[in-house]
C-alpha cells in the first residue's frame, strides 16, 4: 500500500508533467515574432485605410460619371472613405489592445500560480 510520502511524490511529479505540457502548448513568443506581429498589424491598418479611401473614391467617381458633376461626389465620398478607413483602423487598434491586455493578465495569473504559497 502506498504511503503518504509516495502519494505526495506522485502528485508532485504529475504537477511537473502538467506544467511542462502547458508550457509546451503555450510557448512564449520570441522578439522576432513580436516584431513580425507588429509589422503585420501596421500593414493591416494601412490596408484598411487605403481600401476605405479607394472604395469611397470609386463610389464618388462612379456617381460623378453618372450625374455629370465631376468633382463633387468624388471629394465627398473620398472624405467619407477616409473617415471609414480611420474608423476601421481605430477598431483594429482597440481589438489589439484588448488582446494584449488579456495576454498580460494571463501571464500575471500564471506567475501567481508559480509563486510559492504565502508569497505575494
PDB file of N, CA and C in Angstrom:
ATOM      1  N   UNK A   1       0.850  -1.172   0.000  1.00  0.00           N
ATOM      2  CA  UNK A   1       0.000   0.000   0.000  1.00  0.00           C
ATOM      3  C   UNK A   1       0.898   1.239   0.000  1.00  0.00           C
ATOM      4  N   UNK A   2       0.595   2.205  -0.876  1.00  0.00           N
ATOM      5  CA  UNK A   2       1.439   3.404  -0.945  1.00  0.00           C
ATOM      6  C   UNK A   2       1.278   4.270   0.311  1.00  0.00           C
ATOM      7  N   UNK A   3       2.373   4.855   0.712  1.00  0.00           N
ATOM      8  CA  UNK A   3       2.350   5.730   1.882  1.00  0.00           C
ATOM      9  C   UNK A   3       2.020   7.148   1.443  1.00  0.00           C
ATOM     10  N   UNK A   4       1.822   8.016   2.424  1.00  0.00           N
ATOM     11  CA  UNK A   4       1.515   9.416   2.136  1.00  0.00           C
ATOM     12  C   UNK A   4       2.644  10.092   1.361  1.00  0.00           C
ATOM     13  N   UNK A   5       3.876   9.769   1.707  1.00  0.00           N
ATOM     14  CA  UNK A   5       5.024  10.356   1.007  1.00  0.00           C
ATOM     15  C   UNK A   5       5.053   9.911  -0.449  1.00  0.00           C
ATOM     16  N   UNK A   6       4.726   8.664  -0.698  1.00  0.00           N
ATOM     17  CA  UNK A   6       4.697   8.163  -2.071  1.00  0.00           C
ATOM     18  C   UNK A   6       3.602   8.876  -2.872  1.00  0.00           C
ATOM     19  N   UNK A   7       2.441   9.050  -2.246  1.00  0.00           N
ATOM     20  CA  UNK A   7       1.342   9.734  -2.920  1.00  0.00           C
ATOM     21  C   UNK A   7       1.705  11.187  -3.206  1.00  0.00           C
ATOM     22  N   UNK A   8       2.308  11.858  -2.223  1.00  0.00           N
ATOM     23  CA  UNK A   8       2.709  13.252  -2.401  1.00  0.00           C
ATOM     24  C   UNK A   8       3.746  13.380  -3.517  1.00  0.00           C
ATOM     25  N   UNK A   9       4.681  12.460  -3.556  1.00  0.00           N
ATOM     26  CA  UNK A   9       5.714  12.461  -4.589  1.00  0.00           C
ATOM     27  C   UNK A   9       5.093  12.233  -5.970  1.00  0.00           C
ATOM     28  N   UNK A  10       4.125  11.331  -6.039  1.00  0.00           N
ATOM     29  CA  UNK A  10       3.447  11.069  -7.311  1.00  0.00           C
ATOM     30  C   UNK A  10       2.665  12.297  -7.772  1.00  0.00           C
ATOM     31  N   UNK A  11       1.998  12.977  -6.838  1.00  0.00           N
ATOM     32  CA  UNK A  11       1.267  14.197  -7.189  1.00  0.00           C
ATOM     33  C   UNK A  11       2.204  15.307  -7.637  1.00  0.00           C
ATOM     34  N   UNK A  12       3.346  15.440  -6.977  1.00  0.00           N
ATOM     35  CA  UNK A  12       4.326  16.447  -7.390  1.00  0.00           C
ATOM     36  C   UNK A  12       4.838  16.156  -8.799  1.00  0.00           C
ATOM     37  N   UNK A  13       5.099  14.894  -9.077  1.00  0.00           N
ATOM     38  CA  UNK A  13       5.557  14.511 -10.416  1.00  0.00           C
ATOM     39  C   UNK A  13       4.477  14.824 -11.449  1.00  0.00           C
ATOM     40  N   UNK A  14       3.229  14.555 -11.098  1.00  0.00           N
ATOM     41  CA  UNK A  14       2.119  14.856 -12.001  1.00  0.00           C
ATOM     42  C   UNK A  14       2.010  16.359 -12.231  1.00  0.00           C
ATOM     43  N   UNK A  15       2.157  17.161 -11.173  1.00  0.00           N
ATOM     44  CA  UNK A  15       2.128  18.610 -11.320  1.00  0.00           C
ATOM     45  C   UNK A  15       3.222  19.098 -12.264  1.00  0.00           C
ATOM     46  N   UNK A  16       4.419  18.538 -12.134  1.00  0.00           N
ATOM     47  CA  UNK A  16       5.521  18.935 -13.017  1.00  0.00           C
ATOM     48  C   UNK A  16       5.222  18.575 -14.468  1.00  0.00           C
ATOM     49  N   UNK A  17       4.635  17.409 -14.683  1.00  0.00           N
ATOM     50  CA  UNK A  17       4.294  16.995 -16.050  1.00  0.00           C
ATOM     51  C   UNK A  17       3.216  17.886 -16.636  1.00  0.00           C
ATOM     52  N   UNK A  18       2.229  18.251 -15.833  1.00  0.00           N
ATOM     53  CA  UNK A  18       1.166  19.136 -16.312  1.00  0.00           C
ATOM     54  C   UNK A  18       1.737  20.514 -16.653  1.00  0.00           C
ATOM     55  N   UNK A  19       2.600  21.043 -15.788  1.00  0.00           N
ATOM     56  CA  UNK A  19       3.219  22.349 -16.045  1.00  0.00           C
ATOM     57  C   UNK A  19       4.055  22.308 -17.314  1.00  0.00           C
ATOM     58  N   UNK A  20       4.801  21.230 -17.520  1.00  0.00           N
ATOM     59  CA  UNK A  20       5.613  21.105 -18.733  1.00  0.00           C
ATOM     60  C   UNK A  20       4.731  21.028 -19.972  1.00  0.00           C
ATOM     61  N   UNK A  21       3.610  20.318 -19.879  1.00  0.00           N
ATOM     62  CA  UNK A  21       2.696  20.210 -21.017  1.00  0.00           C
ATOM     63  C   UNK A  21       2.068  21.556 -21.338  1.00  0.00           C
ATOM     64  N   UNK A  22       1.685  22.305 -20.319  1.00  0.00           N
ATOM     65  CA  UNK A  22       1.115  23.636 -20.542  1.00  0.00           C
ATOM     66  C   UNK A  22       2.143  24.562 -21.181  1.00  0.00           C
ATOM     67  N   UNK A  23       3.355  24.492 -20.711  1.00  0.00           N
ATOM     68  CA  UNK A  23       4.413  25.350 -21.254  1.00  0.00           C
ATOM     69  C   UNK A  23       4.693  25.013 -22.713  1.00  0.00           C
ATOM     70  N   UNK A  24       4.694  23.736 -23.049  1.00  0.00           N
ATOM     71  CA  UNK A  24       4.960  23.354 -24.440  1.00  0.00           C
ATOM     72  C   UNK A  24       3.770  23.688 -25.339  1.00  0.00           C
ATOM     73  N   UNK A  25       2.564  23.684 -24.785  1.00  0.00           N
ATOM     74  CA  UNK A  25       1.382  24.015 -25.573  1.00  0.00           C
ATOM     75  C   UNK A  25       1.245  25.515 -25.777  1.00  0.00           C
ATOM     76  N   UNK A  26       1.831  26.315 -24.900  1.00  0.00           N
ATOM     77  CA  UNK A  26       1.712  27.766 -24.984  1.00  0.00           C
ATOM     78  C   UNK A  26       3.114  28.386 -24.916  1.00  0.00           C
ATOM     79  N   UNK A  27       3.909  28.229 -25.989  1.00  0.00           N
ATOM     80  CA  UNK A  27       5.268  28.756 -25.928  1.00  0.00           C
ATOM     81  C   UNK A  27       5.270  30.285 -25.944  1.00  0.00           C
ATOM     82  N   UNK A  28       6.260  30.845 -25.325  1.00  0.00           N
ATOM     83  CA  UNK A  28       6.411  32.299 -25.329  1.00  0.00           C
ATOM     84  C   UNK A  28       6.847  32.741 -26.711  1.00  0.00           C
ATOM     85  N   UNK A  29       6.328  33.908 -27.126  1.00  0.00           N
ATOM     86  CA  UNK A  29       6.715  34.424 -28.425  1.00  0.00           C
ATOM     87  C   UNK A  29       8.094  35.047 -28.341  1.00  0.00           C
ATOM     88  N   UNK A  30       8.860  34.850 -29.371  1.00  0.00           N
ATOM     89  CA  UNK A  30      10.195  35.437 -29.398  1.00  0.00           C
ATOM     90  C   UNK A  30      10.104  36.894 -29.826  1.00  0.00           C
ATOM     91  N   UNK A  31      11.203  37.618 -29.695  1.00  0.00           N
ATOM     92  CA  UNK A  31      11.236  39.031 -30.078  1.00  0.00           C
ATOM     93  C   UNK A  31      10.961  39.169 -31.563  1.00  0.00           C
ATOM     94  N   UNK A  32      11.493  38.272 -32.364  1.00  0.00           N
ATOM     95  CA  UNK A  32      11.256  38.318 -33.806  1.00  0.00           C
ATOM     96  C   UNK A  32       9.788  38.145 -34.143  1.00  0.00           C
ATOM     97  N   UNK A  33       9.124  37.269 -33.426  1.00  0.00           N
ATOM     98  CA  UNK A  33       7.700  37.049 -33.670  1.00  0.00           C
ATOM     99  C   UNK A  33       6.896  38.284 -33.284  1.00  0.00           C
ATOM    100  N   UNK A  34       7.292  38.966 -32.208  1.00  0.00           N
ATOM    101  CA  UNK A  34       6.591  40.175 -31.812  1.00  0.00           C
ATOM    102  C   UNK A  34       6.782  41.275 -32.842  1.00  0.00           C
ATOM    103  N   UNK A  35       7.995  41.392 -33.397  1.00  0.00           N
ATOM    104  CA  UNK A  35       8.235  42.389 -34.442  1.00  0.00           C
ATOM    105  C   UNK A  35       7.413  42.062 -35.677  1.00  0.00           C
ATOM    106  N   UNK A  36       7.355  40.775 -36.025  1.00  0.00           N
ATOM    107  CA  UNK A  36       6.555  40.363 -37.173  1.00  0.00           C
ATOM    108  C   UNK A  36       5.093  40.684 -36.933  1.00  0.00           C
ATOM    109  N   UNK A  37       4.630  40.445 -35.721  1.00  0.00           N
ATOM    110  CA  UNK A  37       3.243  40.725 -35.388  1.00  0.00           C
ATOM    111  C   UNK A  37       2.951  42.221 -35.496  1.00  0.00           C
ATOM    112  N   UNK A  38       3.868  43.055 -35.026  1.00  0.00           N
ATOM    113  CA  UNK A  38       3.683  44.500 -35.105  1.00  0.00           C
ATOM    114  C   UNK A  38       3.698  44.968 -36.552  1.00  0.00           C
ATOM    115  N   UNK A  39       4.586  44.387 -37.361  1.00  0.00           N
ATOM    116  CA  UNK A  39       4.647  44.768 -38.770  1.00  0.00           C
ATOM    117  C   UNK A  39       3.373  44.356 -39.502  1.00  0.00           C
ATOM    118  N   UNK A  40       2.877  43.167 -39.213  1.00  0.00           N
ATOM    119  CA  UNK A  40       1.646  42.730 -39.874  1.00  0.00           C
ATOM    120  C   UNK A  40       0.460  43.583 -39.433  1.00  0.00           C
ATOM    121  N   UNK A  41       0.464  43.999 -38.177  1.00  0.00           N
ATOM    122  CA  UNK A  41      -0.594  44.889 -37.702  1.00  0.00           C
ATOM    123  C   UNK A  41      -0.529  46.227 -38.423  1.00  0.00           C
ATOM    124  N   UNK A  42       0.678  46.758 -38.588  1.00  0.00           N
ATOM    125  CA  UNK A  42       0.826  48.034 -39.289  1.00  0.00           C
ATOM    126  C   UNK A  42       0.342  47.923 -40.734  1.00  0.00           C
ATOM    127  N   UNK A  43       0.707  46.854 -41.408  1.00  0.00           N
ATOM    128  CA  UNK A  43       0.245  46.667 -42.781  1.00  0.00           C
ATOM    129  C   UNK A  43      -1.262  46.495 -42.845  1.00  0.00           C
ATOM    130  N   UNK A  44      -1.828  45.826 -41.868  1.00  0.00           N
ATOM    131  CA  UNK A  44      -3.285  45.651 -41.829  1.00  0.00           C
ATOM    132  C   UNK A  44      -3.979  47.006 -41.723  1.00  0.00           C
ATOM    133  N   UNK A  45      -3.448  47.872 -40.852  1.00  0.00           N
ATOM    134  CA  UNK A  45      -4.069  49.186 -40.676  1.00  0.00           C
ATOM    135  C   UNK A  45      -3.916  50.052 -41.921  1.00  0.00           C
ATOM    136  N   UNK A  46      -2.751  50.007 -42.546  1.00  0.00           N
ATOM    137  CA  UNK A  46      -2.550  50.775 -43.780  1.00  0.00           C
ATOM    138  C   UNK A  46      -3.497  50.272 -44.859  1.00  0.00           C
ATOM    139  N   UNK A  47      -3.627  48.962 -44.962  1.00  0.00           N
ATOM    140  CA  UNK A  47      -4.520  48.385 -45.967  1.00  0.00           C
ATOM    141  C   UNK A  47      -5.967  48.805 -45.713  1.00  0.00           C
ATOM    142  N   UNK A  48      -6.390  48.806 -44.458  1.00  0.00           N
ATOM    143  CA  UNK A  48      -7.757  49.223 -44.142  1.00  0.00           C
ATOM    144  C   UNK A  48      -8.006  50.663 -44.549  1.00  0.00           C
ATOM    145  N   UNK A  49      -7.039  51.525 -44.302  1.00  0.00           N
ATOM    146  CA  UNK A  49      -7.187  52.935 -44.676  1.00  0.00           C
ATOM    147  C   UNK A  49      -7.238  53.093 -46.189  1.00  0.00           C
ATOM    148  N   UNK A  50      -6.334  52.442 -46.899  1.00  0.00           N
ATOM    149  CA  UNK A  50      -6.279  52.572 -48.356  1.00  0.00           C
ATOM    150  C   UNK A  50      -7.539  51.995 -48.995  1.00  0.00           C
ATOM    151  N   UNK A  51      -8.000  50.862 -48.519  1.00  0.00           N
ATOM    152  CA  UNK A  51      -9.203  50.258 -49.089  1.00  0.00           C
ATOM    153  C   UNK A  51     -10.421  51.142 -48.839  1.00  0.00           C
ATOM    154  N   UNK A  52     -10.525  51.710 -47.636  1.00  0.00           N
ATOM    155  CA  UNK A  52     -11.641  52.621 -47.350  1.00  0.00           C
ATOM    156  C   UNK A  52     -11.646  53.819 -48.288  1.00  0.00           C
ATOM    157  N   UNK A  53     -10.466  54.400 -48.493  1.00  0.00           N
ATOM    158  CA  UNK A  53     -10.376  55.544 -49.405  1.00  0.00           C
ATOM    159  C   UNK A  53     -10.667  55.130 -50.843  1.00  0.00           C
ATOM    160  N   UNK A  54     -10.155  53.973 -51.267  1.00  0.00           N
ATOM    161  CA  UNK A  54     -10.369  53.517 -52.641  1.00  0.00           C
ATOM    162  C   UNK A  54     -11.850  53.268 -52.909  1.00  0.00           C
ATOM    163  N   UNK A  55     -12.523  52.652 -51.961  1.00  0.00           N
ATOM    164  CA  UNK A  55     -13.959  52.410 -52.140  1.00  0.00           C
ATOM    165  C   UNK A  55     -14.716  53.732 -52.211  1.00  0.00           C
ATOM    166  N   UNK A  56     -14.380  54.667 -51.305  1.00  0.00           N
ATOM    167  CA  UNK A  56     -15.038  55.970 -51.325  1.00  0.00           C
ATOM    168  C   UNK A  56     -14.776  56.723 -52.614  1.00  0.00           C
ATOM    169  N   UNK A  57     -13.528  56.729 -53.059  1.00  0.00           N
ATOM    170  CA  UNK A  57     -13.198  57.423 -54.309  1.00  0.00           C
ATOM    171  C   UNK A  57     -13.873  56.750 -55.499  1.00  0.00           C
ATOM    172  N   UNK A  58     -13.931  55.431 -55.499  1.00  0.00           N
ATOM    173  CA  UNK A  58     -14.598  54.719 -56.589  1.00  0.00           C
ATOM    174  C   UNK A  58     -16.083  55.018 -56.644  1.00  0.00           C
ATOM    175  N   UNK A  59     -16.718  55.035 -55.484  1.00  0.00           N
ATOM    176  CA  UNK A  59     -18.152  55.361 -55.452  1.00  0.00           C
ATOM    177  C   UNK A  59     -18.381  56.800 -55.899  1.00  0.00           C
ATOM    178  N   UNK A  60     -17.538  57.723 -55.425  1.00  0.00           N
ATOM    179  CA  UNK A  60     -17.672  59.123 -55.819  1.00  0.00           C
ATOM    180  C   UNK A  60     -17.456  59.323 -57.310  1.00  0.00           C
ATOM    181  N   UNK A  61     -16.433  58.678 -57.854  1.00  0.00           N
ATOM    182  CA  UNK A  61     -16.162  58.794 -59.283  1.00  0.00           C
ATOM    183  C   UNK A  61     -17.327  58.230 -60.101  1.00  0.00           C
ATOM    184  N   UNK A  62     -17.859  57.081 -59.631  1.00  0.00           N
ATOM    185  CA  UNK A  62     -18.989  56.471 -60.332  1.00  0.00           C
ATOM    186  C   UNK A  62     -20.218  57.370 -60.316  1.00  0.00           C
ATOM    187  N   UNK A  63     -20.512  57.964 -59.171  1.00  0.00           N
ATOM    188  CA  UNK A  63     -21.676  58.868 -59.098  1.00  0.00           C
ATOM    189  C   UNK A  63     -21.459  60.130 -59.912  1.00  0.00           C
ATOM    190  N   UNK A  64     -20.226  60.648 -59.892  1.00  0.00           N
ATOM    191  CA  UNK A  64     -19.933  61.828 -60.708  1.00  0.00           C
ATOM    192  C   UNK A  64     -20.068  61.515 -62.192  1.00  0.00           C
ATOM    193  N   UNK A  65     -19.632  60.348 -62.609  1.00  0.00           N
ATOM    194  CA  UNK A  65     -19.772  59.955 -64.015  1.00  0.00           C
ATOM    195  C   UNK A  65     -21.238  59.792 -64.379  1.00  0.00           C
ATOM    196  N   UNK A  66     -22.007  59.258 -63.457  1.00  0.00           N
ATOM    197  CA  UNK A  66     -23.428  59.016 -63.705  1.00  0.00           C
ATOM    198  C   UNK A  66     -24.205  60.330 -63.814  1.00  0.00           C
ATOM    199  N   UNK A  67     -23.921  61.272 -62.899  1.00  0.00           N
ATOM    200  CA  UNK A  67     -24.669  62.529 -62.871  1.00  0.00           C
ATOM    201  C   UNK A  67     -23.979  63.669 -63.604  1.00  0.00           C
ATOM    202  N   UNK A  68     -22.738  63.507 -64.011  1.00  0.00           N
ATOM    203  CA  UNK A  68     -22.018  64.552 -64.742  1.00  0.00           C
ATOM    204  C   UNK A  68     -21.563  65.701 -63.856  1.00  0.00           C
ATOM    205  N   UNK A  69     -21.387  65.494 -62.593  1.00  0.00           N
ATOM    206  CA  UNK A  69     -20.940  66.552 -61.662  1.00  0.00           C
ATOM    207  C   UNK A  69     -19.553  66.178 -61.147  1.00  0.00           C
ATOM    208  N   UNK A  70     -18.555  66.267 -62.019  1.00  0.00           N
ATOM    209  CA  UNK A  70     -17.275  65.609 -61.802  1.00  0.00           C
ATOM    210  C   UNK A  70     -16.652  65.723 -60.411  1.00  0.00           C
ATOM    211  N   UNK A  71     -16.305  66.857 -59.833  1.00  0.00           N
ATOM    212  CA  UNK A  71     -15.545  66.755 -58.582  1.00  0.00           C
ATOM    213  C   UNK A  71     -16.381  66.605 -57.310  1.00  0.00           C
ATOM    214  N   UNK A  72     -17.659  66.881 -57.342  1.00  0.00           N
ATOM    215  CA  UNK A  72     -18.455  66.968 -56.121  1.00  0.00           C
ATOM    216  C   UNK A  72     -18.508  65.643 -55.352  1.00  0.00           C
ATOM    217  N   UNK A  73     -19.035  64.599 -55.971  1.00  0.00           N
ATOM    218  CA  UNK A  73     -19.166  63.320 -55.281  1.00  0.00           C
ATOM    219  C   UNK A  73     -17.807  62.666 -55.028  1.00  0.00           C
ATOM    220  N   UNK A  74     -16.850  62.896 -55.930  1.00  0.00           N
ATOM    221  CA  UNK A  74     -15.521  62.338 -55.762  1.00  0.00           C
ATOM    222  C   UNK A  74     -14.888  62.842 -54.469  1.00  0.00           C
ATOM    223  N   UNK A  75     -14.979  64.147 -54.214  1.00  0.00           N
ATOM    224  CA  UNK A  75     -14.411  64.724 -52.992  1.00  0.00           C
ATOM    225  C   UNK A  75     -15.195  64.257 -51.770  1.00  0.00           C
ATOM    226  N   UNK A  76     -16.520  64.313 -51.857  1.00  0.00           N
ATOM    227  CA  UNK A  76     -17.365  63.941 -50.728  1.00  0.00           C
ATOM    228  C   UNK A  76     -17.129  62.476 -50.320  1.00  0.00           C
ATOM    229  N   UNK A  77     -17.201  61.572 -51.277  1.00  0.00           N
ATOM    230  CA  UNK A  77     -17.025  60.158 -50.954  1.00  0.00           C
ATOM    231  C   UNK A  77     -15.574  59.814 -50.644  1.00  0.00           C
ATOM    232  N   UNK A  78     -14.628  60.583 -51.193  1.00  0.00           N
ATOM    233  CA  UNK A  78     -13.229  60.394 -50.819  1.00  0.00           C
ATOM    234  C   UNK A  78     -13.020  60.688 -49.344  1.00  0.00           C
ATOM    235  N   UNK A  79     -13.624  61.772 -48.858  1.00  0.00           N
ATOM    236  CA  UNK A  79     -13.537  62.111 -47.431  1.00  0.00           C
ATOM    237  C   UNK A  79     -14.271  61.091 -46.569  1.00  0.00           C
ATOM    238  N   UNK A  80     -15.437  60.644 -47.030  1.00  0.00           N
ATOM    239  CA  UNK A  80     -16.169  59.625 -46.284  1.00  0.00           C
ATOM    240  C   UNK A  80     -15.394  58.307 -46.246  1.00  0.00           C
ATOM    241  N   UNK A  81     -14.737  57.953 -47.334  1.00  0.00           N
ATOM    242  CA  UNK A  81     -13.918  56.743 -47.369  1.00  0.00           C
ATOM    243  C   UNK A  81     -12.736  56.847 -46.424  1.00  0.00           C
ATOM    244  N   UNK A  82     -12.119  58.031 -46.363  1.00  0.00           N
ATOM    245  CA  UNK A  82     -11.015  58.248 -45.429  1.00  0.00           C
ATOM    246  C   UNK A  82     -11.501  58.098 -43.991  1.00  0.00           C
ATOM    247  N   UNK A  83     -12.658  58.701 -43.680  1.00  0.00           N
ATOM    248  CA  UNK A  83     -13.216  58.601 -42.324  1.00  0.00           C
ATOM    249  C   UNK A  83     -13.538  57.142 -41.980  1.00  0.00           C
ATOM    250  N   UNK A  84     -14.083  56.402 -42.936  1.00  0.00           N
ATOM    251  CA  UNK A  84     -14.396  54.989 -42.693  1.00  0.00           C
ATOM    252  C   UNK A  84     -13.114  54.188 -42.472  1.00  0.00           C
ATOM    253  N   UNK A  85     -12.063  54.485 -43.232  1.00  0.00           N
ATOM    254  CA  UNK A  85     -10.790  53.796 -43.060  1.00  0.00           C
ATOM    255  C   UNK A  85     -10.172  54.075 -41.698  1.00  0.00           C
ATOM    256  N   UNK A  86     -10.225  55.330 -41.254  1.00  0.00           N
ATOM    257  CA  UNK A  86      -9.689  55.680 -39.936  1.00  0.00           C
ATOM    258  C   UNK A  86     -10.497  54.995 -38.840  1.00  0.00           C
ATOM    259  N   UNK A  87     -11.800  54.966 -39.001  1.00  0.00           N
ATOM    260  CA  UNK A  87     -12.652  54.313 -38.001  1.00  0.00           C
ATOM    261  C   UNK A  87     -12.330  52.818 -37.903  1.00  0.00           C
ATOM    262  N   UNK A  88     -12.115  52.182 -39.035  1.00  0.00           N
ATOM    263  CA  UNK A  88     -11.765  50.763 -39.041  1.00  0.00           C
ATOM    264  C   UNK A  88     -10.404  50.543 -38.400  1.00  0.00           C
ATOM    265  N   UNK A  89      -9.449  51.437 -38.676  1.00  0.00           N
ATOM    266  CA  UNK A  89      -8.128  51.339 -38.055  1.00  0.00           C
ATOM    267  C   UNK A  89      -8.237  51.450 -36.540  1.00  0.00           C
ATOM    268  N   UNK A  90      -9.043  52.374 -36.065  1.00  0.00           N
ATOM    269  CA  UNK A  90      -9.207  52.554 -34.618  1.00  0.00           C
ATOM    270  C   UNK A  90      -9.842  51.314 -33.992  1.00  0.00           C
ATOM    271  N   UNK A  91     -10.788  50.714 -34.681  1.00  0.00           N
ATOM    272  CA  UNK A  91     -11.410  49.496 -34.175  1.00  0.00           C
ATOM    273  C   UNK A  91     -10.382  48.366 -34.081  1.00  0.00           C
ATOM    274  N   UNK A  92      -9.504  48.286 -35.068  1.00  0.00           N
ATOM    275  CA  UNK A  92      -8.440  47.269 -35.033  1.00  0.00           C
ATOM    276  C   UNK A  92      -7.483  47.530 -33.880  1.00  0.00           C
ATOM    277  N   UNK A  93      -7.164  48.801 -33.639  1.00  0.00           N
ATOM    278  CA  UNK A  93      -6.252  49.138 -32.542  1.00  0.00           C
ATOM    279  C   UNK A  93      -6.855  48.751 -31.195  1.00  0.00           C
ATOM    280  N   UNK A  94      -8.137  48.986 -31.015  1.00  0.00           N
ATOM    281  CA  UNK A  94      -8.803  48.610 -29.767  1.00  0.00           C
ATOM    282  C   UNK A  94      -8.803  47.088 -29.610  1.00  0.00           C
ATOM    283  N   UNK A  95      -9.035  46.368 -30.704  1.00  0.00           N
ATOM    284  CA  UNK A  95      -9.019  44.907 -30.665  1.00  0.00           C
ATOM    285  C   UNK A  95      -7.645  44.386 -30.245  1.00  0.00           C
ATOM    286  N   UNK A  96      -6.595  44.962 -30.799  1.00  0.00           N
ATOM    287  CA  UNK A  96      -5.234  44.541 -30.456  1.00  0.00           C
ATOM    288  C   UNK A  96      -4.915  44.884 -29.007  1.00  0.00           C
ATOM    289  N   UNK A  97      -5.359  46.054 -28.556  1.00  0.00           N
ATOM    290  CA  UNK A  97      -5.110  46.452 -27.170  1.00  0.00           C
ATOM    291  C   UNK A  97      -5.797  45.486 -26.203  1.00  0.00           C
ATOM    292  N   UNK A  98      -7.022  45.100 -26.487  1.00  0.00           N
ATOM    293  CA  UNK A  98      -7.730  44.145 -25.627  1.00  0.00           C
ATOM    294  C   UNK A  98      -7.023  42.790 -25.611  1.00  0.00           C
ATOM    295  N   UNK A  99      -6.527  42.353 -26.788  1.00  0.00           N
ATOM    296  CA  UNK A  99      -5.816  41.084 -26.860  1.00  0.00           C
ATOM    297  C   UNK A  99      -4.532  41.140 -26.036  1.00  0.00           C
ATOM    298  N   UNK A 100      -3.793  42.242 -26.135  1.00  0.00           N
ATOM    299  CA  UNK A 100      -2.559  42.379 -25.363  1.00  0.00           C
ATOM    300  C   UNK A 100      -2.829  42.419 -23.863  1.00  0.00           C
ATOM    301  N   UNK A 101      -3.903  43.095 -23.449  1.00  0.00           N
ATOM    302  CA  UNK A 101      -4.261  43.128 -22.030  1.00  0.00           C
ATOM    303  C   UNK A 101      -4.626  41.733 -21.533  1.00  0.00           C
ATOM    304  N   UNK A 102      -5.334  40.962 -22.345  1.00  0.00           N
ATOM    305  CA  UNK A 102      -5.704  39.594 -21.959  1.00  0.00           C
ATOM    306  C   UNK A 102      -4.457  38.725 -21.819  1.00  0.00           C
ATOM    307  N   UNK A 103      -3.495  38.908 -22.711  1.00  0.00           N
ATOM    308  CA  UNK A 103      -2.250  38.136 -22.635  1.00  0.00           C
ATOM    309  C   UNK A 103      -1.490  38.507 -21.366  1.00  0.00           C
ATOM    310  N   UNK A 104      -1.418  39.802 -21.061  1.00  0.00           N
ATOM    311  CA  UNK A 104      -0.726  40.244 -19.843  1.00  0.00           C
ATOM    312  C   UNK A 104      -1.392  39.682 -18.594  1.00  0.00           C
ATOM    313  N   UNK A 105      -2.721  39.706 -18.552  1.00  0.00           N
ATOM    314  CA  UNK A 105      -3.429  39.163 -17.397  1.00  0.00           C
ATOM    315  C   UNK A 105      -3.190  37.665 -17.261  1.00  0.00           C
ATOM    316  N   UNK A 106      -3.158  36.949 -18.381  1.00  0.00           N
ATOM    317  CA  UNK A 106      -2.908  35.508 -18.331  1.00  0.00           C
ATOM    318  C   UNK A 106      -1.491  35.232 -17.832  1.00  0.00           C
ATOM    319  N   UNK A 107      -0.521  36.041 -18.268  1.00  0.00           N
ATOM    320  CA  UNK A 107       0.855  35.860 -17.806  1.00  0.00           C
ATOM    321  C   UNK A 107       0.976  36.152 -16.313  1.00  0.00           C
ATOM    322  N   UNK A 108       0.283  37.194 -15.836  1.00  0.00           N
ATOM    323  CA  UNK A 108       0.313  37.507 -14.406  1.00  0.00           C
ATOM    324  C   UNK A 108      -0.325  36.386 -13.596  1.00  0.00           C
ATOM    325  N   UNK A 109      -1.420  35.841 -14.104  1.00  0.00           N
ATOM    326  CA  UNK A 109      -2.085  34.734 -13.399  1.00  0.00           C
ATOM    327  C   UNK A 109      -1.170  33.511 -13.355  1.00  0.00           C
ATOM    328  N   UNK A 110      -0.448  33.267 -14.445  1.00  0.00           N
ATOM    329  CA  UNK A 110       0.472  32.130 -14.468  1.00  0.00           C
ATOM    330  C   UNK A 110       1.615  32.342 -13.480  1.00  0.00           C
ATOM    331  N   UNK A 111       2.091  33.575 -13.366  1.00  0.00           N
ATOM    332  CA  UNK A 111       3.159  33.874 -12.405  1.00  0.00           C
ATOM    333  C   UNK A 111       2.665  33.680 -10.969  1.00  0.00           C
ATOM    334  N   UNK A 112       1.415  34.090 -10.713  1.00  0.00           N
ATOM    335  CA  UNK A 112       0.861  33.900  -9.366  1.00  0.00           C
ATOM    336  C   UNK A 112       0.717  32.434  -9.026  1.00  0.00           C
ATOM    337  N   UNK A 113       0.379  31.607 -10.020  1.00  0.00           N
ATOM    338  CA  UNK A 113       0.248  30.172  -9.770  1.00  0.00           C
ATOM    339  C   UNK A 113       1.608  29.544  -9.469  1.00  0.00           C
ATOM    340  N   UNK A 114       2.670  30.076 -10.078  1.00  0.00           N
ATOM    341  CA  UNK A 114       4.017  29.539  -9.872  1.00  0.00           C
ATOM    342  C   UNK A 114       4.610  29.977  -8.537  1.00  0.00           C
ATOM    343  N   UNK A 115       4.091  31.078  -7.975  1.00  0.00           N
ATOM    344  CA  UNK A 115       4.634  31.597  -6.723  1.00  0.00           C
ATOM    345  C   UNK A 115       4.365  30.611  -5.600  1.00  0.00           C
ATOM    346  N   UNK A 116       5.292  30.503  -4.667  1.00  0.00           N
ATOM    347  CA  UNK A 116       5.070  29.590  -3.540  1.00  0.00           C
ATOM    348  C   UNK A 116       3.936  30.086  -2.654  1.00  0.00           C
ATOM    349  N   UNK A 117       3.267  29.196  -1.965  1.00  0.00           N
ATOM    350  CA  UNK A 117       2.148  29.607  -1.085  1.00  0.00           C
ATOM    351  C   UNK A 117       2.629  30.597  -0.039  1.00  0.00           C
ATOM    352  N   UNK A 118       1.816  31.617   0.186  1.00  0.00           N
ATOM    353  CA  UNK A 118       2.136  32.624   1.197  1.00  0.00           C
ATOM    354  C   UNK A 118       2.923  33.789   0.629  1.00  0.00           C
ATOM    355  N   UNK A 119       3.462  33.688  -0.610  1.00  0.00           N
ATOM    356  CA  UNK A 119       4.201  34.794  -1.218  1.00  0.00           C
ATOM    357  C   UNK A 119       3.223  35.700  -1.937  1.00  0.00           C
ATOM    358  N   UNK A 120       3.554  36.980  -1.964  1.00  0.00           N
ATOM    359  CA  UNK A 120       2.675  37.927  -2.671  1.00  0.00           C
ATOM    360  C   UNK A 120       3.262  38.304  -3.975  1.00  0.00           C
TER     361      UNK A 120
END
